[in-house]
Every structure is written in C-alpha cells, then in structure tokens.
Amino acid sequence: MREPNPIRVERVHPHAWLWEPLETEATFVVRSMFGTKAVYLDGKLMLCFAAKHEPWSGVLVATERPHHASLIAVIPGLVPHPVLPKWLYLSESADSFEQKAERLVRLVRRHDARLGVVPSPKKRTRARPLSPASATRGGLKHQPPIQSRP
C-alpha cells in the first residue's frame, strides 16, 4: 500500500503573474471557466487567461462590440476572438504580448468602462412535487393502494 504524499504540488497558471496586481482589489475574484482562469472585478467578468493551443492561448477580453474599435486602437494586436467574436483576443504569440497584456490589466485596474460584462444569472432549478397528472406522463403509473387482508 502506498503512503499518501503529504506535499501537494499545485500547478500555477502560466499567466497568474498578470492578474496578481488585481488581487488587492476588494472585489477581485478568479474562477475556472472552460479551461481558462476568469478574472472578475466589481461583479463583472473582465479577462480570461487561456494557456492551451490557439485560439486558446493568451488573454480574452470580455467587452461589448461597440468598444472593440477603441480598444484595438489603444492596444494593437487585439482581434475579435475566432470562436467568441463578441470578445477581443490577445494571442500569446502577438508581438510584445507581455506589455500589451499588462496594459489590459492596468485598464481593468482603472475600472475602464469599456471592459467587463455582467455575467448572466445562473438559472436555478427548483424541485417541484409531482402532481398525479405529471407522474403518469413521466412514466410513473398510479397504482391502487394495497389492501390488507383480514
């Protein structure tokens, strides 16, 4: 029998250094989302850091389409994401990726109004008691009560 390893090594995301300046913000949250690390500030989804293969290797910028042109003008190299075109994308292979990604983080830290989207509320499912009609539609058959014999 193998002894459990008391030391657990946790892998650090290769882009963690980029969101570290945001960690001091009171409303900062980082969550896993579709294989990325998503950064939220003030309840808004701001940036997603992806470390896979193209087109999931770099920074996805959560923004609305009307802001695309002005953000691209400020940070050349941003392009609409090929899979999620409503967001902008800075590929890790872009020229000066580190400086441009740091610039995005500075814009987030300054609460630039062009950045961030309010996530859709999660739909909650409520368990409902089965009515006799829905029970028969769902395959449950109404059975007469069992009568005891004298």
N, C-alpha and C. Protein backbone atom coordinates (compact mmCIF):
# COMPACT_ATOMS: atom_id res chain seq x y z
N MET A 1 0.85 -1.18 0.00
CA MET A 1 0.00 0.00 0.00
C MET A 1 0.89 1.24 0.00
N ARG A 2 0.54 2.20 -0.88
CA ARG A 2 1.33 3.43 -0.97
C ARG A 2 0.88 4.43 0.06
N GLU A 3 1.84 5.10 0.61
CA GLU A 3 1.54 6.18 1.57
C GLU A 3 1.10 7.42 0.78
N PRO A 4 0.09 8.13 1.26
CA PRO A 4 -0.30 9.36 0.57
C PRO A 4 0.81 10.40 0.68
N ASN A 5 1.01 11.14 -0.39
CA ASN A 5 2.04 12.17 -0.41
C ASN A 5 1.53 13.38 0.36
N PRO A 6 2.19 13.75 1.47
CA PRO A 6 1.69 14.87 2.27
C PRO A 6 1.91 16.23 1.59
N ILE A 7 2.77 16.26 0.58
CA ILE A 7 3.03 17.52 -0.11
C ILE A 7 2.27 17.52 -1.41
N ARG A 8 1.35 18.44 -1.53
CA ARG A 8 0.57 18.54 -2.75
C ARG A 8 1.10 19.72 -3.55
N VAL A 9 1.54 19.44 -4.74
CA VAL A 9 2.07 20.48 -5.60
C VAL A 9 0.93 21.00 -6.47
N GLU A 10 0.66 22.27 -6.36
CA GLU A 10 -0.40 22.86 -7.15
C GLU A 10 0.24 23.60 -8.32
N ARG A 11 -0.26 23.31 -9.52
CA ARG A 11 0.29 23.97 -10.70
C ARG A 11 -0.16 25.42 -10.73
N VAL A 12 0.79 26.27 -11.03
CA VAL A 12 0.50 27.69 -11.14
C VAL A 12 0.19 27.99 -12.60
N HIS A 13 -0.87 28.72 -12.82
CA HIS A 13 -1.24 29.10 -14.19
C HIS A 13 -0.11 29.96 -14.77
N PRO A 14 0.28 29.71 -16.02
CA PRO A 14 1.40 30.46 -16.58
C PRO A 14 1.15 31.97 -16.71
N HIS A 15 -0.12 32.40 -16.65
CA HIS A 15 -0.41 33.83 -16.75
C HIS A 15 -0.82 34.42 -15.40
N ALA A 16 -0.62 33.69 -14.32
CA ALA A 16 -1.02 34.18 -12.99
C ALA A 16 -0.34 35.50 -12.66
N TRP A 17 0.88 35.68 -13.11
CA TRP A 17 1.60 36.92 -12.82
C TRP A 17 0.87 38.14 -13.38
N LEU A 18 0.07 37.94 -14.41
CA LEU A 18 -0.65 39.07 -14.99
C LEU A 18 -1.79 39.55 -14.10
N TRP A 19 -2.53 38.62 -13.48
CA TRP A 19 -3.66 39.08 -12.66
C TRP A 19 -3.26 39.40 -11.22
N GLU A 20 -2.02 39.11 -10.84
CA GLU A 20 -1.59 39.39 -9.46
C GLU A 20 -1.80 40.85 -9.05
N PRO A 21 -1.56 41.85 -9.91
CA PRO A 21 -1.81 43.24 -9.48
C PRO A 21 -3.27 43.51 -9.15
N LEU A 22 -4.19 42.70 -9.64
CA LEU A 22 -5.61 42.91 -9.36
C LEU A 22 -6.05 42.27 -8.05
N GLU A 23 -5.24 41.39 -7.50
CA GLU A 23 -5.63 40.65 -6.30
C GLU A 23 -5.85 41.54 -5.09
N THR A 24 -5.31 42.75 -5.10
CA THR A 24 -5.50 43.67 -3.96
C THR A 24 -6.85 44.38 -4.01
N GLU A 25 -7.54 44.29 -5.15
CA GLU A 25 -8.86 44.91 -5.28
C GLU A 25 -9.86 44.15 -4.40
N ALA A 26 -10.70 44.88 -3.70
CA ALA A 26 -11.64 44.26 -2.75
C ALA A 26 -12.62 43.30 -3.43
N THR A 27 -12.97 43.57 -4.68
CA THR A 27 -13.98 42.74 -5.36
C THR A 27 -13.35 41.72 -6.30
N PHE A 28 -12.05 41.54 -6.24
CA PHE A 28 -11.34 40.61 -7.13
C PHE A 28 -11.77 39.17 -6.87
N VAL A 29 -12.07 38.44 -7.95
CA VAL A 29 -12.38 37.01 -7.88
C VAL A 29 -11.76 36.37 -9.11
N VAL A 30 -11.16 35.19 -8.93
CA VAL A 30 -10.68 34.42 -10.07
C VAL A 30 -11.36 33.06 -10.00
N ARG A 31 -11.90 32.61 -11.15
CA ARG A 31 -12.60 31.33 -11.22
C ARG A 31 -12.16 30.59 -12.48
N SER A 32 -12.28 29.29 -12.42
CA SER A 32 -12.04 28.49 -13.63
C SER A 32 -13.28 28.57 -14.50
N MET A 33 -13.06 28.72 -15.81
CA MET A 33 -14.18 28.79 -16.73
C MET A 33 -13.73 28.24 -18.08
N PHE A 34 -14.27 27.10 -18.47
CA PHE A 34 -13.99 26.49 -19.77
C PHE A 34 -12.49 26.36 -20.03
N GLY A 35 -11.75 25.91 -19.04
CA GLY A 35 -10.32 25.70 -19.22
C GLY A 35 -9.49 26.96 -19.13
N THR A 36 -10.11 28.08 -18.77
CA THR A 36 -9.38 29.33 -18.59
C THR A 36 -9.49 29.75 -17.13
N LYS A 37 -8.75 30.77 -16.78
CA LYS A 37 -8.93 31.42 -15.48
C LYS A 37 -9.59 32.75 -15.77
N ALA A 38 -10.78 32.92 -15.25
CA ALA A 38 -11.58 34.13 -15.49
C ALA A 38 -11.44 35.07 -14.30
N VAL A 39 -11.16 36.33 -14.60
CA VAL A 39 -10.99 37.34 -13.56
C VAL A 39 -12.22 38.24 -13.56
N TYR A 40 -12.79 38.41 -12.36
CA TYR A 40 -13.96 39.25 -12.15
C TYR A 40 -13.56 40.41 -11.25
N LEU A 41 -14.13 41.57 -11.52
CA LEU A 41 -13.94 42.74 -10.68
C LEU A 41 -15.27 43.48 -10.64
N ASP A 42 -15.70 43.86 -9.48
CA ASP A 42 -16.98 44.54 -9.30
C ASP A 42 -18.14 43.72 -9.85
N GLY A 43 -18.02 42.39 -9.78
CA GLY A 43 -19.08 41.51 -10.26
C GLY A 43 -19.10 41.32 -11.76
N LYS A 44 -18.18 41.97 -12.48
CA LYS A 44 -18.13 41.84 -13.93
C LYS A 44 -17.00 40.90 -14.34
N LEU A 45 -17.24 40.12 -15.37
CA LEU A 45 -16.21 39.30 -15.97
C LEU A 45 -15.35 40.23 -16.81
N MET A 46 -14.04 40.26 -16.51
CA MET A 46 -13.14 41.20 -17.18
C MET A 46 -12.23 40.53 -18.21
N LEU A 47 -11.45 39.57 -17.75
CA LEU A 47 -10.44 38.93 -18.59
C LEU A 47 -10.45 37.43 -18.35
N CYS A 48 -10.13 36.67 -19.39
CA CYS A 48 -9.93 35.23 -19.26
C CYS A 48 -8.53 34.92 -19.75
N PHE A 49 -7.79 34.20 -18.94
CA PHE A 49 -6.42 33.85 -19.27
C PHE A 49 -6.39 32.38 -19.70
N ALA A 50 -6.00 32.16 -20.96
CA ALA A 50 -6.01 30.82 -21.53
C ALA A 50 -4.58 30.37 -21.80
N ALA A 51 -4.30 29.10 -21.52
CA ALA A 51 -2.94 28.57 -21.70
C ALA A 51 -2.99 27.22 -22.41
N LYS A 52 -3.74 27.15 -23.47
CA LYS A 52 -3.82 25.91 -24.26
C LYS A 52 -3.25 26.18 -25.64
N HIS A 53 -3.85 25.62 -26.67
CA HIS A 53 -3.42 25.85 -28.04
C HIS A 53 -4.30 26.91 -28.67
N GLU A 54 -3.78 27.55 -29.70
CA GLU A 54 -4.55 28.57 -30.42
C GLU A 54 -5.90 27.99 -30.84
N PRO A 55 -6.95 28.73 -30.70
CA PRO A 55 -7.06 30.13 -30.29
C PRO A 55 -7.33 30.30 -28.79
N TRP A 56 -6.81 29.42 -27.99
CA TRP A 56 -7.00 29.47 -26.54
C TRP A 56 -5.65 29.61 -25.84
N SER A 57 -4.85 30.54 -26.30
CA SER A 57 -3.53 30.77 -25.73
C SER A 57 -3.26 32.26 -25.68
N GLY A 58 -3.66 32.88 -24.59
CA GLY A 58 -3.49 34.31 -24.44
C GLY A 58 -4.54 34.88 -23.52
N VAL A 59 -5.00 36.08 -23.84
CA VAL A 59 -5.96 36.78 -22.99
C VAL A 59 -7.21 37.10 -23.80
N LEU A 60 -8.35 36.68 -23.27
CA LEU A 60 -9.65 37.04 -23.85
C LEU A 60 -10.17 38.24 -23.06
N VAL A 61 -10.62 39.24 -23.78
CA VAL A 61 -11.08 40.48 -23.16
C VAL A 61 -12.60 40.53 -23.25
N ALA A 62 -13.25 40.45 -22.11
CA ALA A 62 -14.71 40.50 -22.06
C ALA A 62 -15.15 41.95 -22.24
N THR A 63 -15.77 42.21 -23.37
CA THR A 63 -16.20 43.57 -23.69
C THR A 63 -17.39 43.50 -24.65
N GLU A 64 -18.01 44.62 -24.86
CA GLU A 64 -19.13 44.71 -25.81
C GLU A 64 -18.57 45.14 -27.18
N ARG A 65 -19.23 44.73 -28.24
CA ARG A 65 -18.76 45.04 -29.61
C ARG A 65 -18.56 46.54 -29.87
N PRO A 66 -19.41 47.42 -29.36
CA PRO A 66 -19.18 48.85 -29.63
C PRO A 66 -17.82 49.37 -29.13
N HIS A 67 -17.19 48.66 -28.21
CA HIS A 67 -15.89 49.09 -27.67
C HIS A 67 -14.70 48.49 -28.41
N HIS A 68 -14.94 47.58 -29.32
CA HIS A 68 -13.84 46.90 -30.00
C HIS A 68 -12.87 47.87 -30.66
N ALA A 69 -13.37 48.76 -31.48
CA ALA A 69 -12.50 49.65 -32.25
C ALA A 69 -11.61 50.51 -31.35
N SER A 70 -12.18 51.07 -30.30
CA SER A 70 -11.36 51.94 -29.44
C SER A 70 -10.31 51.14 -28.67
N LEU A 71 -10.64 49.92 -28.27
CA LEU A 71 -9.64 49.09 -27.57
C LEU A 71 -8.55 48.62 -28.52
N ILE A 72 -8.91 48.28 -29.75
CA ILE A 72 -7.92 47.86 -30.73
C ILE A 72 -6.99 49.04 -31.06
N ALA A 73 -7.53 50.27 -31.09
CA ALA A 73 -6.71 51.45 -31.36
C ALA A 73 -5.69 51.67 -30.24
N VAL A 74 -6.08 51.38 -29.00
CA VAL A 74 -5.20 51.58 -27.85
C VAL A 74 -4.19 50.44 -27.72
N ILE A 75 -4.62 49.22 -28.04
CA ILE A 75 -3.75 48.04 -27.90
C ILE A 75 -3.76 47.28 -29.22
N PRO A 76 -2.88 47.67 -30.14
CA PRO A 76 -2.79 46.94 -31.41
C PRO A 76 -2.43 45.48 -31.14
N GLY A 77 -3.00 44.61 -31.89
CA GLY A 77 -2.78 43.17 -31.68
C GLY A 77 -4.02 42.50 -31.15
N LEU A 78 -4.93 43.30 -30.57
CA LEU A 78 -6.23 42.75 -30.17
C LEU A 78 -7.04 42.48 -31.43
N VAL A 79 -7.71 41.35 -31.44
CA VAL A 79 -8.58 40.98 -32.57
C VAL A 79 -9.82 40.32 -32.00
N PRO A 80 -10.93 40.33 -32.73
CA PRO A 80 -12.08 39.56 -32.26
C PRO A 80 -11.68 38.08 -32.17
N HIS A 81 -12.09 37.44 -31.10
CA HIS A 81 -11.73 36.03 -30.91
C HIS A 81 -12.40 35.20 -32.01
N PRO A 82 -11.67 34.24 -32.61
CA PRO A 82 -12.25 33.48 -33.72
C PRO A 82 -13.43 32.59 -33.33
N VAL A 83 -13.53 32.20 -32.07
CA VAL A 83 -14.65 31.35 -31.63
C VAL A 83 -15.71 32.20 -30.90
N LEU A 84 -15.27 33.17 -30.13
CA LEU A 84 -16.16 34.06 -29.38
C LEU A 84 -15.98 35.49 -29.90
N PRO A 85 -16.47 35.82 -31.08
CA PRO A 85 -16.17 37.13 -31.68
C PRO A 85 -16.74 38.32 -30.93
N LYS A 86 -17.61 38.08 -29.96
CA LYS A 86 -18.10 39.21 -29.17
C LYS A 86 -17.02 39.73 -28.22
N TRP A 87 -15.97 38.93 -28.00
CA TRP A 87 -14.85 39.34 -27.16
C TRP A 87 -13.61 39.55 -28.00
N LEU A 88 -12.69 40.32 -27.45
CA LEU A 88 -11.40 40.53 -28.11
C LEU A 88 -10.40 39.52 -27.58
N TYR A 89 -9.33 39.33 -28.34
CA TYR A 89 -8.34 38.31 -28.01
C TYR A 89 -6.94 38.84 -28.27
N LEU A 90 -6.07 38.63 -27.32
CA LEU A 90 -4.65 38.93 -27.48
C LEU A 90 -3.92 37.60 -27.41
N SER A 91 -3.43 37.15 -28.55
CA SER A 91 -2.73 35.88 -28.62
C SER A 91 -1.37 35.98 -27.93
N GLU A 92 -1.01 34.90 -27.29
CA GLU A 92 0.29 34.84 -26.64
C GLU A 92 1.42 34.98 -27.67
N SER A 93 1.15 34.68 -28.92
CA SER A 93 2.16 34.79 -29.97
C SER A 93 2.24 36.21 -30.55
N ALA A 94 1.41 37.13 -30.08
CA ALA A 94 1.43 38.51 -30.58
C ALA A 94 2.73 39.20 -30.18
N ASP A 95 3.16 40.14 -31.02
CA ASP A 95 4.35 40.94 -30.68
C ASP A 95 4.09 41.68 -29.37
N SER A 96 5.07 41.68 -28.51
CA SER A 96 5.00 42.38 -27.22
C SER A 96 3.81 41.93 -26.39
N PHE A 97 3.52 40.62 -26.39
CA PHE A 97 2.37 40.09 -25.65
C PHE A 97 2.38 40.55 -24.19
N GLU A 98 3.52 40.41 -23.51
CA GLU A 98 3.58 40.73 -22.08
C GLU A 98 3.21 42.18 -21.81
N GLN A 99 3.77 43.11 -22.59
CA GLN A 99 3.48 44.52 -22.38
C GLN A 99 2.01 44.85 -22.67
N LYS A 100 1.48 44.25 -23.72
CA LYS A 100 0.08 44.51 -24.08
C LYS A 100 -0.87 43.90 -23.04
N ALA A 101 -0.54 42.72 -22.56
CA ALA A 101 -1.38 42.09 -21.53
C ALA A 101 -1.33 42.90 -20.24
N GLU A 102 -0.15 43.40 -19.89
CA GLU A 102 -0.04 44.25 -18.70
C GLU A 102 -0.87 45.52 -18.87
N ARG A 103 -0.89 46.04 -20.06
CA ARG A 103 -1.69 47.25 -20.33
C ARG A 103 -3.17 46.95 -20.14
N LEU A 104 -3.63 45.79 -20.58
CA LEU A 104 -5.03 45.39 -20.35
C LEU A 104 -5.34 45.33 -18.87
N VAL A 105 -4.43 44.75 -18.10
CA VAL A 105 -4.63 44.64 -16.66
C VAL A 105 -4.69 46.03 -16.02
N ARG A 106 -3.85 46.95 -16.48
CA ARG A 106 -3.90 48.33 -15.96
C ARG A 106 -5.25 48.97 -16.27
N LEU A 107 -5.78 48.72 -17.47
CA LEU A 107 -7.10 49.26 -17.80
C LEU A 107 -8.18 48.69 -16.89
N VAL A 108 -8.08 47.41 -16.60
CA VAL A 108 -9.04 46.78 -15.68
C VAL A 108 -8.91 47.41 -14.30
N ARG A 109 -7.69 47.59 -13.86
CA ARG A 109 -7.46 48.15 -12.52
C ARG A 109 -8.00 49.57 -12.40
N ARG A 110 -7.98 50.31 -13.53
CA ARG A 110 -8.52 51.67 -13.55
C ARG A 110 -10.04 51.68 -13.73
N HIS A 111 -10.63 50.48 -13.80
CA HIS A 111 -12.08 50.34 -13.98
C HIS A 111 -12.55 51.00 -15.28
N ASP A 112 -11.79 50.80 -16.35
CA ASP A 112 -12.14 51.32 -17.66
C ASP A 112 -13.53 50.80 -18.04
N ALA A 113 -14.43 51.70 -18.37
CA ALA A 113 -15.83 51.34 -18.64
C ALA A 113 -15.99 50.48 -19.89
N ARG A 114 -14.98 50.45 -20.76
CA ARG A 114 -15.07 49.63 -21.97
C ARG A 114 -14.88 48.15 -21.67
N LEU A 115 -14.34 47.85 -20.52
CA LEU A 115 -14.04 46.46 -20.18
C LEU A 115 -15.06 45.89 -19.22
N GLY A 116 -15.34 44.61 -19.40
CA GLY A 116 -16.19 43.89 -18.47
C GLY A 116 -17.61 43.69 -18.98
N VAL A 117 -18.13 42.52 -18.67
CA VAL A 117 -19.52 42.20 -18.96
C VAL A 117 -20.14 41.60 -17.71
N VAL A 118 -21.38 41.91 -17.50
CA VAL A 118 -22.10 41.35 -16.36
C VAL A 118 -22.52 39.94 -16.74
N PRO A 119 -22.08 38.94 -15.98
CA PRO A 119 -22.46 37.57 -16.33
C PRO A 119 -23.96 37.35 -16.17
N SER A 120 -24.49 36.48 -17.01
CA SER A 120 -25.91 36.13 -16.90
C SER A 120 -26.13 35.39 -15.59
N PRO A 121 -27.24 35.67 -14.93
CA PRO A 121 -27.50 34.93 -13.69
C PRO A 121 -27.71 33.46 -13.99
N LYS A 122 -27.23 32.63 -13.10
CA LYS A 122 -27.41 31.19 -13.28
C LYS A 122 -28.86 30.84 -13.04
N LYS A 123 -29.37 29.96 -13.89
CA LYS A 123 -30.75 29.51 -13.73
C LYS A 123 -30.80 28.50 -12.60
N ARG A 124 -31.72 28.73 -11.71
CA ARG A 124 -31.90 27.80 -10.60
C ARG A 124 -33.05 26.87 -10.92
N THR A 125 -32.83 25.62 -10.66
CA THR A 125 -33.92 24.67 -10.84
C THR A 125 -34.47 24.34 -9.47
N ARG A 126 -35.76 24.36 -9.41
CA ARG A 126 -36.43 24.07 -8.15
C ARG A 126 -37.12 22.74 -8.25
N ALA A 127 -36.93 21.92 -7.27
CA ALA A 127 -37.64 20.64 -7.25
C ALA A 127 -39.10 20.91 -6.93
N ARG A 128 -39.96 20.37 -7.75
CA ARG A 128 -41.39 20.54 -7.53
C ARG A 128 -42.00 19.18 -7.22
N PRO A 129 -42.99 19.14 -6.35
CA PRO A 129 -43.66 17.86 -6.11
C PRO A 129 -44.40 17.42 -7.36
N LEU A 130 -44.41 16.14 -7.60
CA LEU A 130 -45.11 15.60 -8.77
C LEU A 130 -46.61 15.63 -8.54
N SER A 131 -47.31 16.15 -9.52
CA SER A 131 -48.76 16.09 -9.47
C SER A 131 -49.17 14.74 -10.06
N PRO A 132 -50.36 14.26 -9.78
CA PRO A 132 -50.78 12.97 -10.36
C PRO A 132 -50.70 12.96 -11.88
N ALA A 133 -51.04 14.08 -12.53
CA ALA A 133 -51.00 14.13 -13.99
C ALA A 133 -49.57 14.04 -14.49
N SER A 134 -48.65 14.77 -13.87
CA SER A 134 -47.26 14.74 -14.34
C SER A 134 -46.61 13.41 -14.01
N ALA A 135 -47.04 12.76 -12.96
CA ALA A 135 -46.46 11.46 -12.60
C ALA A 135 -46.79 10.41 -13.65
N THR A 136 -48.01 10.45 -14.19
CA THR A 136 -48.36 9.47 -15.22
C THR A 136 -47.69 9.80 -16.54
N ARG A 137 -47.51 11.08 -16.85
CA ARG A 137 -46.80 11.46 -18.08
C ARG A 137 -45.34 11.06 -18.00
N GLY A 138 -44.77 11.12 -16.83
CA GLY A 138 -43.35 10.80 -16.67
C GLY A 138 -43.09 9.32 -16.58
N GLY A 139 -44.08 8.50 -16.76
CA GLY A 139 -43.86 7.07 -16.76
C GLY A 139 -44.23 6.40 -15.44
N LEU A 140 -44.57 7.18 -14.44
CA LEU A 140 -44.99 6.58 -13.17
C LEU A 140 -46.48 6.28 -13.27
N LYS A 141 -46.84 5.09 -13.00
CA LYS A 141 -48.24 4.68 -13.10
C LYS A 141 -48.87 4.77 -11.71
N HIS A 142 -50.08 5.26 -11.72
CA HIS A 142 -50.82 5.30 -10.47
C HIS A 142 -51.25 3.88 -10.11
N GLN A 143 -50.91 3.46 -8.94
CA GLN A 143 -51.30 2.12 -8.53
C GLN A 143 -52.28 2.24 -7.37
N PRO A 144 -53.26 1.40 -7.38
CA PRO A 144 -54.23 1.46 -6.28
C PRO A 144 -53.54 1.08 -4.97
N PRO A 145 -54.04 1.61 -3.87
CA PRO A 145 -53.43 1.28 -2.59
C PRO A 145 -53.53 -0.21 -2.29
N ILE A 146 -52.56 -0.71 -1.62
CA ILE A 146 -52.54 -2.13 -1.24
C ILE A 146 -53.52 -2.30 -0.08
N GLN A 147 -54.41 -3.28 -0.27
CA GLN A 147 -55.38 -3.54 0.79
C GLN A 147 -54.90 -4.71 1.63
N SER A 148 -55.00 -4.51 2.89
CA SER A 148 -54.59 -5.64 3.76
C SER A 148 -55.72 -6.61 3.89
N ARG A 149 -55.37 -7.86 4.04
CA ARG A 149 -56.38 -8.92 4.19
C ARG A 149 -56.65 -9.11 5.69
N PRO A 150 -57.91 -9.38 5.98
CA PRO A 150 -58.23 -9.61 7.39
C PRO A 150 -57.70 -10.89 7.92
